[in-house]
N, C-alpha and C. Protein backbone atom coordinates (compact mmCIF):
# COMPACT_ATOMS: atom_id res chain seq x y z
N MET A 1 7.52 -28.96 -51.64
CA MET A 1 8.70 -28.95 -52.43
C MET A 1 9.39 -27.52 -52.85
N SER A 2 10.47 -27.49 -52.65
CA SER A 2 11.07 -26.13 -53.08
C SER A 2 11.11 -26.06 -54.44
N ASN A 3 11.45 -25.06 -55.27
CA ASN A 3 11.61 -24.85 -56.59
C ASN A 3 12.94 -25.43 -57.10
N ASN A 4 14.11 -25.35 -56.51
CA ASN A 4 15.31 -25.80 -57.05
C ASN A 4 15.35 -27.32 -56.88
N ASN A 5 15.65 -28.06 -58.10
CA ASN A 5 15.87 -29.46 -58.04
C ASN A 5 14.69 -30.41 -57.46
N LEU A 6 13.55 -29.85 -57.14
CA LEU A 6 12.47 -30.53 -56.56
C LEU A 6 12.82 -31.01 -55.38
N THR A 7 13.62 -30.50 -54.54
CA THR A 7 14.08 -31.00 -53.31
C THR A 7 12.97 -30.59 -52.36
N PRO A 8 12.65 -31.53 -51.44
CA PRO A 8 11.34 -31.45 -50.60
C PRO A 8 11.96 -30.21 -49.55
N ASP A 9 10.97 -29.50 -48.98
CA ASP A 9 11.37 -28.46 -48.12
C ASP A 9 11.83 -29.00 -46.83
N GLY A 10 13.16 -28.49 -46.21
CA GLY A 10 13.65 -29.07 -45.07
C GLY A 10 14.86 -29.95 -45.37
N PHE A 11 15.07 -30.22 -46.64
CA PHE A 11 16.05 -31.27 -47.06
C PHE A 11 17.22 -30.50 -47.92
N ASN A 12 18.45 -31.17 -47.75
CA ASN A 12 19.34 -30.62 -48.83
C ASN A 12 19.49 -31.94 -49.81
N PHE A 13 19.59 -31.56 -51.03
CA PHE A 13 20.03 -32.44 -52.11
C PHE A 13 21.35 -32.97 -52.11
N ILE A 14 21.80 -34.29 -51.96
CA ILE A 14 23.19 -34.60 -51.62
C ILE A 14 23.70 -35.03 -52.98
N GLN A 15 23.21 -36.08 -53.75
CA GLN A 15 23.55 -36.58 -54.94
C GLN A 15 22.53 -37.49 -55.53
N GLU A 16 22.98 -37.79 -56.76
CA GLU A 16 22.21 -38.65 -57.58
C GLU A 16 23.13 -39.83 -58.15
N SER A 17 22.67 -41.21 -58.02
CA SER A 17 23.63 -42.31 -58.54
C SER A 17 22.52 -43.29 -59.27
N HIS A 18 22.60 -43.43 -60.36
CA HIS A 18 21.75 -44.68 -61.16
C HIS A 18 20.25 -44.45 -60.58
N GLY A 19 19.95 -43.33 -60.73
CA GLY A 19 18.47 -43.06 -60.41
C GLY A 19 18.02 -42.92 -58.99
N ILE A 20 19.07 -43.10 -58.07
CA ILE A 20 18.80 -43.03 -56.73
C ILE A 20 19.10 -41.74 -56.29
N ASN A 21 18.14 -40.87 -55.68
CA ASN A 21 18.50 -39.58 -55.17
C ASN A 21 18.75 -39.63 -53.53
N GLU A 22 19.68 -38.76 -53.17
CA GLU A 22 20.07 -38.89 -51.66
C GLU A 22 19.79 -37.49 -51.14
N TYR A 23 19.09 -37.37 -50.14
CA TYR A 23 18.78 -36.26 -49.46
C TYR A 23 19.22 -36.40 -47.92
N ASN A 24 19.46 -35.06 -47.37
CA ASN A 24 19.75 -35.01 -45.96
C ASN A 24 18.57 -34.16 -45.34
N LEU A 25 18.02 -34.54 -44.30
CA LEU A 25 17.04 -33.69 -43.43
C LEU A 25 17.77 -32.64 -42.55
N LYS A 26 17.76 -31.37 -43.02
CA LYS A 26 18.33 -30.41 -42.28
C LYS A 26 18.37 -30.37 -40.85
N SER A 27 17.26 -30.61 -40.37
CA SER A 27 16.97 -30.73 -38.80
C SER A 27 17.71 -31.64 -38.00
N ASN A 28 17.98 -32.74 -38.44
CA ASN A 28 18.46 -33.85 -37.71
C ASN A 28 19.54 -34.92 -38.37
N GLY A 29 19.84 -34.51 -39.61
CA GLY A 29 20.75 -35.25 -40.50
C GLY A 29 20.41 -36.63 -41.01
N LEU A 30 19.01 -36.82 -41.00
CA LEU A 30 18.47 -38.24 -41.38
C LEU A 30 18.77 -38.13 -42.93
N ARG A 31 19.15 -39.38 -43.25
CA ARG A 31 19.72 -39.64 -44.56
C ARG A 31 18.49 -40.28 -45.36
N VAL A 32 17.98 -39.79 -46.28
CA VAL A 32 16.93 -40.35 -47.18
C VAL A 32 17.34 -40.58 -48.71
N LEU A 33 17.04 -41.78 -49.10
CA LEU A 33 17.32 -42.36 -50.44
C LEU A 33 15.98 -42.44 -51.02
N THR A 34 15.80 -42.04 -52.34
CA THR A 34 14.46 -42.30 -53.07
C THR A 34 14.95 -42.91 -54.55
N LEU A 35 14.11 -43.70 -54.90
CA LEU A 35 14.11 -44.46 -56.23
C LEU A 35 12.68 -44.52 -56.92
N SER A 36 12.47 -43.87 -57.85
CA SER A 36 11.11 -43.73 -58.47
C SER A 36 11.00 -44.93 -59.39
N ASP A 37 9.86 -45.96 -59.13
CA ASP A 37 9.61 -46.86 -60.11
C ASP A 37 8.10 -46.99 -60.26
N ARG A 38 7.59 -46.38 -61.49
CA ARG A 38 6.17 -46.55 -61.57
C ARG A 38 5.42 -47.57 -62.19
N SER A 39 6.31 -48.74 -62.22
CA SER A 39 5.89 -50.07 -62.85
C SER A 39 4.73 -50.67 -62.30
N ALA A 40 4.52 -50.48 -60.88
CA ALA A 40 3.52 -50.95 -60.31
C ALA A 40 2.88 -49.93 -59.21
N PRO A 41 1.69 -50.07 -58.93
CA PRO A 41 1.01 -48.98 -57.74
C PRO A 41 1.32 -49.46 -56.39
N VAL A 42 2.68 -49.69 -56.11
CA VAL A 42 3.05 -49.88 -54.74
C VAL A 42 4.40 -49.08 -54.34
N ALA A 43 4.50 -48.78 -53.14
CA ALA A 43 5.76 -48.21 -52.63
C ALA A 43 6.31 -49.23 -51.58
N THR A 44 7.73 -49.10 -51.55
CA THR A 44 8.37 -49.76 -50.41
C THR A 44 9.21 -48.64 -49.60
N PHE A 45 8.88 -48.92 -48.44
CA PHE A 45 9.59 -47.92 -47.43
C PHE A 45 10.28 -48.83 -46.49
N MET A 46 11.50 -48.46 -46.19
CA MET A 46 12.60 -49.05 -45.39
C MET A 46 13.22 -48.06 -44.49
N VAL A 47 13.42 -48.44 -43.21
CA VAL A 47 14.11 -47.82 -42.47
C VAL A 47 15.28 -48.56 -41.96
N THR A 48 16.64 -48.04 -42.06
CA THR A 48 17.72 -48.98 -41.57
C THR A 48 18.35 -48.16 -40.61
N TYR A 49 18.79 -48.94 -39.62
CA TYR A 49 19.54 -48.30 -38.37
C TYR A 49 21.02 -48.97 -38.47
N HIS A 50 21.93 -48.18 -38.38
CA HIS A 50 23.24 -48.62 -38.43
C HIS A 50 23.75 -49.33 -36.98
N VAL A 51 22.97 -50.39 -36.61
CA VAL A 51 23.27 -50.92 -35.30
C VAL A 51 22.96 -52.47 -35.57
N GLY A 52 23.87 -53.18 -35.29
CA GLY A 52 23.74 -54.74 -35.62
C GLY A 52 24.47 -55.66 -34.58
N SER A 53 24.80 -56.70 -34.85
CA SER A 53 25.46 -57.76 -33.86
C SER A 53 26.79 -57.25 -33.34
N ARG A 54 27.47 -56.52 -34.40
CA ARG A 54 28.89 -56.00 -34.01
C ARG A 54 28.86 -55.14 -32.83
N ASN A 55 27.68 -54.56 -32.46
CA ASN A 55 27.43 -53.61 -31.48
C ASN A 55 27.11 -54.13 -30.15
N GLU A 56 26.79 -55.67 -30.17
CA GLU A 56 26.63 -56.29 -28.95
C GLU A 56 27.79 -56.59 -28.03
N ALA A 57 27.57 -56.18 -26.66
CA ALA A 57 28.64 -56.53 -25.79
C ALA A 57 28.70 -58.08 -25.41
N ILE A 58 29.82 -58.60 -25.02
CA ILE A 58 30.14 -59.81 -24.60
C ILE A 58 29.00 -60.36 -23.56
N GLY A 59 28.41 -61.35 -23.87
CA GLY A 59 27.39 -62.02 -23.16
C GLY A 59 26.00 -61.51 -23.63
N TYR A 60 25.96 -60.64 -24.49
CA TYR A 60 24.40 -60.24 -25.08
C TYR A 60 24.36 -60.62 -26.44
N THR A 61 24.90 -61.52 -26.85
CA THR A 61 24.77 -62.24 -28.36
C THR A 61 23.17 -62.10 -28.61
N GLY A 62 22.78 -61.69 -29.78
CA GLY A 62 21.27 -61.72 -30.01
C GLY A 62 20.49 -60.62 -29.75
N SER A 63 21.00 -59.62 -28.96
CA SER A 63 20.18 -58.54 -28.26
C SER A 63 19.72 -57.56 -29.24
N THR A 64 20.50 -57.53 -30.44
CA THR A 64 19.83 -56.60 -31.52
C THR A 64 18.65 -57.25 -32.23
N HIS A 65 18.88 -58.56 -32.48
CA HIS A 65 17.78 -59.47 -33.07
C HIS A 65 16.65 -59.53 -32.20
N LEU A 66 16.85 -59.56 -30.88
CA LEU A 66 15.58 -59.31 -29.95
C LEU A 66 14.90 -58.16 -29.98
N LEU A 67 15.87 -57.05 -30.02
CA LEU A 67 15.21 -55.79 -29.97
C LEU A 67 14.28 -55.59 -31.45
N GLU A 68 14.93 -56.21 -32.66
CA GLU A 68 14.14 -56.18 -33.74
C GLU A 68 12.69 -56.81 -33.52
N HIS A 69 12.63 -58.00 -32.88
CA HIS A 69 11.50 -58.53 -32.68
C HIS A 69 10.43 -57.63 -31.83
N LEU A 70 11.02 -57.20 -30.72
CA LEU A 70 10.24 -56.32 -29.81
C LEU A 70 9.75 -54.99 -30.52
N MET A 71 10.38 -54.58 -31.40
CA MET A 71 9.88 -53.28 -32.17
C MET A 71 8.63 -53.58 -32.76
N PHE A 72 8.08 -54.80 -33.04
CA PHE A 72 6.78 -55.12 -33.68
C PHE A 72 5.53 -55.31 -32.70
N LYS A 73 5.97 -55.18 -31.31
CA LYS A 73 4.95 -55.21 -30.19
C LYS A 73 4.25 -54.16 -29.92
N GLY A 74 4.59 -53.09 -30.53
CA GLY A 74 3.54 -51.97 -30.24
C GLY A 74 4.37 -50.62 -30.02
N SER A 75 3.66 -49.62 -30.08
CA SER A 75 4.27 -48.25 -29.78
C SER A 75 3.16 -47.30 -29.26
N ARG A 76 3.37 -46.17 -28.99
CA ARG A 76 2.41 -45.43 -28.33
C ARG A 76 1.15 -45.05 -29.25
N ASN A 77 1.33 -44.99 -30.45
CA ASN A 77 -0.05 -44.85 -31.37
C ASN A 77 -0.26 -46.17 -32.05
N PHE A 78 0.38 -47.11 -32.00
CA PHE A 78 0.19 -48.40 -32.79
C PHE A 78 0.24 -49.57 -31.91
N ASN A 79 -0.65 -49.97 -31.45
CA ASN A 79 -0.76 -51.13 -30.29
C ASN A 79 -1.98 -51.95 -30.24
N LYS A 80 -1.97 -52.96 -29.67
CA LYS A 80 -3.16 -53.95 -29.50
C LYS A 80 -4.23 -53.34 -28.69
N GLU A 81 -3.80 -52.54 -27.63
CA GLU A 81 -4.83 -51.98 -26.62
C GLU A 81 -5.63 -50.98 -27.33
N LYS A 82 -5.08 -50.15 -28.40
CA LYS A 82 -5.96 -49.25 -29.15
C LYS A 82 -6.53 -49.85 -30.25
N GLY A 83 -6.25 -51.12 -30.53
CA GLY A 83 -6.82 -51.98 -31.84
C GLY A 83 -6.22 -51.35 -33.14
N THR A 84 -4.96 -51.00 -32.87
CA THR A 84 -4.02 -50.48 -33.96
C THR A 84 -2.64 -51.18 -34.04
N ALA A 85 -2.56 -52.45 -33.72
CA ALA A 85 -1.37 -53.05 -33.78
C ALA A 85 -0.62 -52.95 -35.03
N ILE A 86 0.63 -52.88 -34.96
CA ILE A 86 1.52 -52.83 -36.08
C ILE A 86 1.11 -53.57 -37.33
N TRP A 87 1.21 -54.96 -37.01
CA TRP A 87 0.90 -56.04 -37.92
C TRP A 87 -0.37 -55.85 -38.57
N ASP A 88 -1.48 -55.67 -37.69
CA ASP A 88 -2.90 -55.79 -38.18
C ASP A 88 -3.17 -54.46 -38.92
N GLU A 89 -2.46 -53.38 -38.69
CA GLU A 89 -2.76 -52.08 -39.35
C GLU A 89 -1.99 -52.16 -40.83
N LEU A 90 -0.87 -52.86 -40.84
CA LEU A 90 -0.23 -53.01 -42.17
C LEU A 90 -0.87 -54.04 -43.14
N GLN A 91 -1.19 -55.21 -42.42
CA GLN A 91 -1.83 -56.30 -43.29
C GLN A 91 -3.21 -55.88 -43.74
N SER A 92 -3.93 -55.04 -43.00
CA SER A 92 -5.41 -54.65 -43.25
C SER A 92 -5.17 -53.99 -44.73
N ILE A 93 -4.07 -53.46 -44.85
CA ILE A 93 -4.15 -52.53 -46.35
C ILE A 93 -3.46 -53.30 -47.44
N GLY A 94 -3.12 -54.75 -47.06
CA GLY A 94 -2.30 -55.41 -47.91
C GLY A 94 -0.78 -55.34 -48.01
N ALA A 95 -0.24 -54.92 -46.88
CA ALA A 95 1.30 -54.82 -46.98
C ALA A 95 1.93 -55.88 -46.74
N GLN A 96 3.19 -55.98 -47.37
CA GLN A 96 4.05 -57.10 -46.96
C GLN A 96 5.22 -56.49 -46.11
N ILE A 97 5.43 -57.09 -44.93
CA ILE A 97 6.19 -56.31 -43.80
C ILE A 97 7.16 -57.30 -43.27
N ASN A 98 8.32 -56.83 -43.06
CA ASN A 98 9.31 -57.55 -42.34
C ASN A 98 10.60 -56.97 -41.73
N ALA A 99 11.49 -57.41 -41.20
CA ALA A 99 12.69 -56.68 -40.59
C ALA A 99 13.82 -57.88 -40.70
N THR A 100 15.09 -57.40 -40.61
CA THR A 100 16.22 -58.14 -40.61
C THR A 100 17.29 -57.46 -39.76
N THR A 101 18.20 -58.44 -39.22
CA THR A 101 19.38 -57.70 -38.48
C THR A 101 20.60 -58.59 -38.94
N TRP A 102 21.69 -57.83 -39.11
CA TRP A 102 22.76 -58.21 -39.51
C TRP A 102 23.93 -57.75 -38.77
N ASN A 103 25.29 -58.05 -39.06
CA ASN A 103 26.42 -57.44 -38.48
C ASN A 103 26.39 -56.07 -38.07
N ASP A 104 26.04 -55.29 -39.12
CA ASP A 104 26.19 -53.95 -39.14
C ASP A 104 24.84 -52.80 -39.24
N ARG A 105 23.57 -53.64 -39.30
CA ARG A 105 22.47 -52.91 -39.46
C ARG A 105 21.12 -53.80 -39.00
N THR A 106 20.19 -53.02 -38.70
CA THR A 106 18.86 -53.62 -38.51
C THR A 106 17.96 -52.70 -39.38
N ASN A 107 17.11 -53.38 -40.14
CA ASN A 107 16.28 -52.70 -41.00
C ASN A 107 14.71 -53.06 -41.05
N TYR A 108 13.76 -52.39 -41.13
CA TYR A 108 12.22 -52.69 -41.19
C TYR A 108 11.63 -52.12 -42.47
N PHE A 109 11.07 -52.94 -43.18
CA PHE A 109 10.39 -52.49 -44.42
C PHE A 109 9.04 -52.90 -44.67
N GLU A 110 8.21 -52.23 -45.39
CA GLU A 110 6.93 -52.44 -45.77
C GLU A 110 6.91 -52.04 -47.42
N VAL A 111 6.15 -52.83 -47.93
CA VAL A 111 5.61 -52.94 -49.39
C VAL A 111 4.09 -52.60 -49.27
N VAL A 112 3.89 -51.34 -49.51
CA VAL A 112 2.36 -51.15 -49.34
C VAL A 112 1.79 -50.34 -50.76
N PRO A 113 0.45 -50.49 -50.83
CA PRO A 113 -0.23 -49.78 -51.93
C PRO A 113 0.33 -48.40 -51.78
N SER A 114 0.55 -47.79 -52.89
CA SER A 114 1.19 -46.46 -53.00
C SER A 114 0.37 -45.38 -52.05
N GLU A 115 -0.92 -45.61 -52.05
CA GLU A 115 -1.80 -44.51 -51.45
C GLU A 115 -1.64 -44.73 -49.86
N HIS A 116 -0.95 -45.77 -49.33
CA HIS A 116 -0.90 -45.91 -47.93
C HIS A 116 0.57 -45.74 -47.53
N LEU A 117 1.45 -45.11 -48.35
CA LEU A 117 2.86 -45.01 -47.92
C LEU A 117 2.88 -43.97 -46.72
N GLU A 118 1.91 -43.04 -46.55
CA GLU A 118 2.21 -42.20 -45.28
C GLU A 118 1.77 -43.07 -43.99
N LYS A 119 1.00 -44.13 -44.15
CA LYS A 119 0.71 -44.94 -42.94
C LYS A 119 1.93 -45.73 -42.36
N ALA A 120 2.74 -46.22 -43.55
CA ALA A 120 3.96 -46.88 -43.27
C ALA A 120 4.95 -46.00 -42.60
N ILE A 121 5.09 -44.70 -43.09
CA ILE A 121 5.91 -43.80 -42.52
C ILE A 121 5.56 -43.64 -41.09
N ALA A 122 4.30 -43.34 -40.88
CA ALA A 122 3.81 -42.88 -39.51
C ALA A 122 3.99 -44.03 -38.53
N ILE A 123 3.85 -45.34 -39.03
CA ILE A 123 4.29 -46.46 -38.01
C ILE A 123 5.49 -46.65 -37.77
N GLU A 124 6.60 -46.39 -38.82
CA GLU A 124 8.06 -46.63 -38.48
C GLU A 124 8.54 -45.24 -37.60
N SER A 125 7.92 -44.18 -37.74
CA SER A 125 8.25 -42.89 -37.08
C SER A 125 7.88 -43.12 -35.48
N ASP A 126 6.55 -43.63 -35.33
CA ASP A 126 6.02 -43.87 -34.01
C ASP A 126 6.99 -45.02 -33.23
N ARG A 127 7.20 -46.10 -34.02
CA ARG A 127 8.02 -47.18 -33.32
C ARG A 127 9.47 -46.65 -32.86
N MET A 128 9.91 -45.85 -33.92
CA MET A 128 11.25 -45.37 -33.76
C MET A 128 11.46 -44.62 -32.34
N ARG A 129 10.34 -43.78 -32.10
CA ARG A 129 10.20 -42.99 -30.99
C ARG A 129 9.80 -43.35 -29.70
N TYR A 130 8.82 -44.33 -30.00
CA TYR A 130 7.83 -44.72 -28.80
C TYR A 130 7.57 -46.08 -28.71
N ALA A 131 8.51 -46.92 -29.10
CA ALA A 131 8.25 -48.40 -28.95
C ALA A 131 8.16 -48.96 -27.66
N PHE A 132 7.17 -49.93 -27.49
CA PHE A 132 6.95 -50.54 -26.07
C PHE A 132 8.10 -51.62 -26.08
N LEU A 133 8.65 -51.59 -25.03
CA LEU A 133 9.93 -52.43 -24.68
C LEU A 133 9.51 -53.09 -23.38
N ARG A 134 8.56 -54.02 -23.32
CA ARG A 134 8.00 -54.64 -22.14
C ARG A 134 8.69 -56.07 -21.76
N ASP A 135 8.88 -56.22 -20.62
CA ASP A 135 9.38 -57.53 -19.99
C ASP A 135 8.34 -58.77 -20.41
N GLU A 136 7.10 -58.47 -20.53
CA GLU A 136 6.06 -59.57 -20.70
C GLU A 136 6.16 -59.80 -22.21
N ASP A 137 6.69 -59.09 -23.21
CA ASP A 137 6.97 -59.22 -24.61
C ASP A 137 8.41 -60.09 -24.70
N ARG A 138 9.41 -59.46 -23.86
CA ARG A 138 10.64 -59.81 -23.98
C ARG A 138 10.82 -61.39 -23.70
N GLN A 139 10.30 -61.79 -22.60
CA GLN A 139 10.41 -63.27 -22.37
C GLN A 139 9.92 -64.10 -23.48
N PRO A 140 8.98 -64.18 -24.06
CA PRO A 140 8.57 -65.00 -25.02
C PRO A 140 9.43 -64.93 -26.35
N GLU A 141 9.69 -63.57 -26.58
CA GLU A 141 10.66 -63.44 -27.91
C GLU A 141 11.86 -63.92 -27.76
N MET A 142 12.43 -63.97 -26.50
CA MET A 142 13.66 -64.66 -26.35
C MET A 142 13.77 -65.98 -26.87
N THR A 143 12.63 -66.74 -26.56
CA THR A 143 12.67 -68.07 -27.05
C THR A 143 12.70 -68.10 -28.72
N VAL A 144 11.82 -67.33 -29.08
CA VAL A 144 11.62 -67.23 -30.59
C VAL A 144 13.06 -66.93 -31.18
N VAL A 145 13.68 -65.95 -30.73
CA VAL A 145 14.97 -65.60 -31.13
C VAL A 145 16.10 -66.74 -31.10
N ARG A 146 15.98 -67.25 -29.87
CA ARG A 146 16.76 -68.54 -29.76
C ARG A 146 16.71 -69.65 -30.74
N ASN A 147 15.43 -69.83 -31.00
CA ASN A 147 15.12 -70.83 -31.95
C ASN A 147 15.64 -70.37 -33.29
N GLU A 148 15.42 -69.24 -33.55
CA GLU A 148 15.99 -68.64 -35.00
C GLU A 148 17.42 -68.82 -35.17
N PHE A 149 18.03 -68.55 -34.10
CA PHE A 149 19.44 -68.65 -34.12
C PHE A 149 20.08 -70.13 -34.15
N GLU A 150 19.25 -71.02 -33.57
CA GLU A 150 19.56 -72.39 -33.77
C GLU A 150 19.20 -73.10 -35.27
N ARG A 151 18.25 -72.54 -35.78
CA ARG A 151 17.97 -72.88 -37.11
C ARG A 151 18.84 -72.43 -38.07
N VAL A 152 19.46 -71.33 -37.91
CA VAL A 152 20.22 -70.72 -38.68
C VAL A 152 21.70 -71.33 -38.50
N LYS A 153 22.10 -71.55 -37.38
CA LYS A 153 23.28 -72.29 -37.08
C LYS A 153 23.41 -73.49 -37.66
N ILE A 154 22.28 -74.31 -37.46
CA ILE A 154 22.16 -75.76 -38.00
C ILE A 154 22.18 -75.56 -39.53
N ALA A 155 21.62 -74.73 -40.21
CA ALA A 155 21.71 -74.45 -41.66
C ALA A 155 23.10 -74.22 -42.37
N HIS A 156 23.77 -73.30 -41.64
CA HIS A 156 25.32 -72.95 -41.77
C HIS A 156 26.03 -74.25 -41.72
N LEU A 157 25.93 -75.04 -40.62
CA LEU A 157 26.64 -76.44 -40.30
C LEU A 157 26.36 -77.26 -41.71
N MET A 158 25.12 -77.32 -41.88
CA MET A 158 24.89 -78.30 -42.86
C MET A 158 25.30 -77.94 -44.31
N PHE A 159 25.34 -76.47 -44.77
CA PHE A 159 25.95 -76.12 -45.94
C PHE A 159 27.33 -76.38 -45.81
N TRP A 160 28.25 -76.17 -44.86
CA TRP A 160 29.64 -76.54 -44.76
C TRP A 160 29.93 -77.92 -44.84
N ILE A 161 29.17 -78.79 -44.23
CA ILE A 161 29.14 -80.10 -44.36
C ILE A 161 29.07 -80.70 -45.86
N ARG A 162 28.17 -80.03 -46.63
CA ARG A 162 27.85 -80.32 -47.82
C ARG A 162 29.09 -80.18 -48.75
N ILE A 163 29.51 -78.99 -48.62
CA ILE A 163 30.80 -78.52 -49.13
C ILE A 163 31.98 -79.20 -48.96
N PHE A 164 32.26 -79.46 -47.70
CA PHE A 164 33.53 -80.12 -47.33
C PHE A 164 33.47 -81.75 -46.82
N GLY A 165 32.02 -81.99 -46.79
CA GLY A 165 32.03 -83.33 -46.39
C GLY A 165 32.62 -84.41 -47.20
N PRO A 166 32.43 -84.50 -48.52
CA PRO A 166 33.04 -85.39 -49.39
C PRO A 166 34.58 -85.39 -49.38
N LEU A 167 35.36 -84.28 -49.10
CA LEU A 167 36.74 -84.29 -48.91
C LEU A 167 37.16 -84.93 -47.50
N LEU A 168 36.40 -84.55 -46.53
CA LEU A 168 36.67 -85.19 -45.21
C LEU A 168 36.47 -86.61 -45.37
N ILE A 169 35.38 -87.06 -45.94
CA ILE A 169 35.05 -88.39 -45.79
C ILE A 169 36.13 -89.17 -46.57
N LYS A 170 36.83 -88.73 -47.57
CA LYS A 170 38.08 -89.21 -48.25
C LYS A 170 39.17 -89.39 -47.16
N LEU A 171 39.25 -88.35 -46.33
CA LEU A 171 40.38 -88.53 -45.46
C LEU A 171 40.31 -89.41 -44.26
N THR A 172 39.13 -89.68 -44.01
CA THR A 172 38.83 -90.67 -43.03
C THR A 172 37.68 -91.53 -43.09
N PRO A 173 37.82 -92.85 -42.76
CA PRO A 173 36.63 -93.73 -42.89
C PRO A 173 35.68 -93.69 -41.90
N ILE A 174 35.83 -92.82 -40.69
CA ILE A 174 34.85 -92.86 -39.61
C ILE A 174 33.71 -91.80 -39.84
N ILE A 175 32.47 -92.32 -40.28
CA ILE A 175 31.58 -91.34 -40.49
C ILE A 175 30.19 -91.72 -39.85
N ILE A 176 29.31 -90.91 -39.94
CA ILE A 176 28.00 -91.07 -39.38
C ILE A 176 27.01 -90.67 -40.53
N PRO A 177 26.25 -91.91 -40.98
CA PRO A 177 25.12 -91.34 -42.09
C PRO A 177 24.02 -90.80 -41.54
N LEU A 178 23.67 -89.60 -42.08
CA LEU A 178 22.39 -89.04 -41.60
C LEU A 178 21.19 -89.46 -42.40
N SER A 179 20.06 -89.12 -41.86
CA SER A 179 18.87 -89.59 -42.76
C SER A 179 18.66 -89.12 -44.09
N ASP A 180 19.08 -87.82 -44.41
CA ASP A 180 18.98 -87.26 -45.61
C ASP A 180 20.10 -87.65 -46.65
N GLY A 181 20.93 -88.55 -46.13
CA GLY A 181 22.09 -89.06 -47.15
C GLY A 181 23.35 -88.13 -46.89
N VAL A 182 23.38 -87.29 -46.06
CA VAL A 182 24.54 -86.36 -45.86
C VAL A 182 25.42 -87.09 -44.77
N GLN A 183 26.81 -87.25 -44.91
CA GLN A 183 27.33 -87.96 -44.06
C GLN A 183 28.36 -86.85 -43.27
N ILE A 184 28.60 -87.07 -41.94
CA ILE A 184 29.45 -86.11 -41.29
C ILE A 184 30.63 -86.88 -40.73
N LEU A 185 31.84 -86.46 -40.21
CA LEU A 185 32.68 -87.13 -39.31
C LEU A 185 32.01 -87.45 -37.95
N LYS A 186 32.60 -88.42 -37.46
CA LYS A 186 32.26 -88.89 -36.17
C LYS A 186 33.29 -88.12 -35.29
N MET A 187 32.80 -87.19 -34.37
CA MET A 187 33.65 -86.40 -33.57
C MET A 187 33.76 -87.06 -32.18
């Protein structure tokens, strides 16, 4: 840490808002946000990449979500072959881990006991630079991603049916009753 503003060496302090401090790594422009909360002996570490489904080319729908899955398959220093698989390493220290993909971002996060924050940072750094992207991992994960996509699509459809279904039913007597009591128009 440098003496001015307790800014870590190699970083520029950008701003503070509502307890969140923003820094910029001088060497590469990495944006770092910190929020101190000492109410529990845990730390949350999240990496957000500004890439999501909006960046997919036509015909490649789901590719960012597939990449999200593949990023858990291992990296140069954290992999099954070395006995240091990402999930195993994090779960062995009691971490909660996950990732999400949206229109404009993909993020990976861990909630770890505070004393293991450096391990979470090391794993994210290693998979950012040296992720294994192997065809033998891609094939089975494509099935998983397709199934997740279908579940979400069906959930969204059921949501809109529950919202607009009663109105549509009033407009036409042609309906199909579903087992859970929801009714939809016969198409």
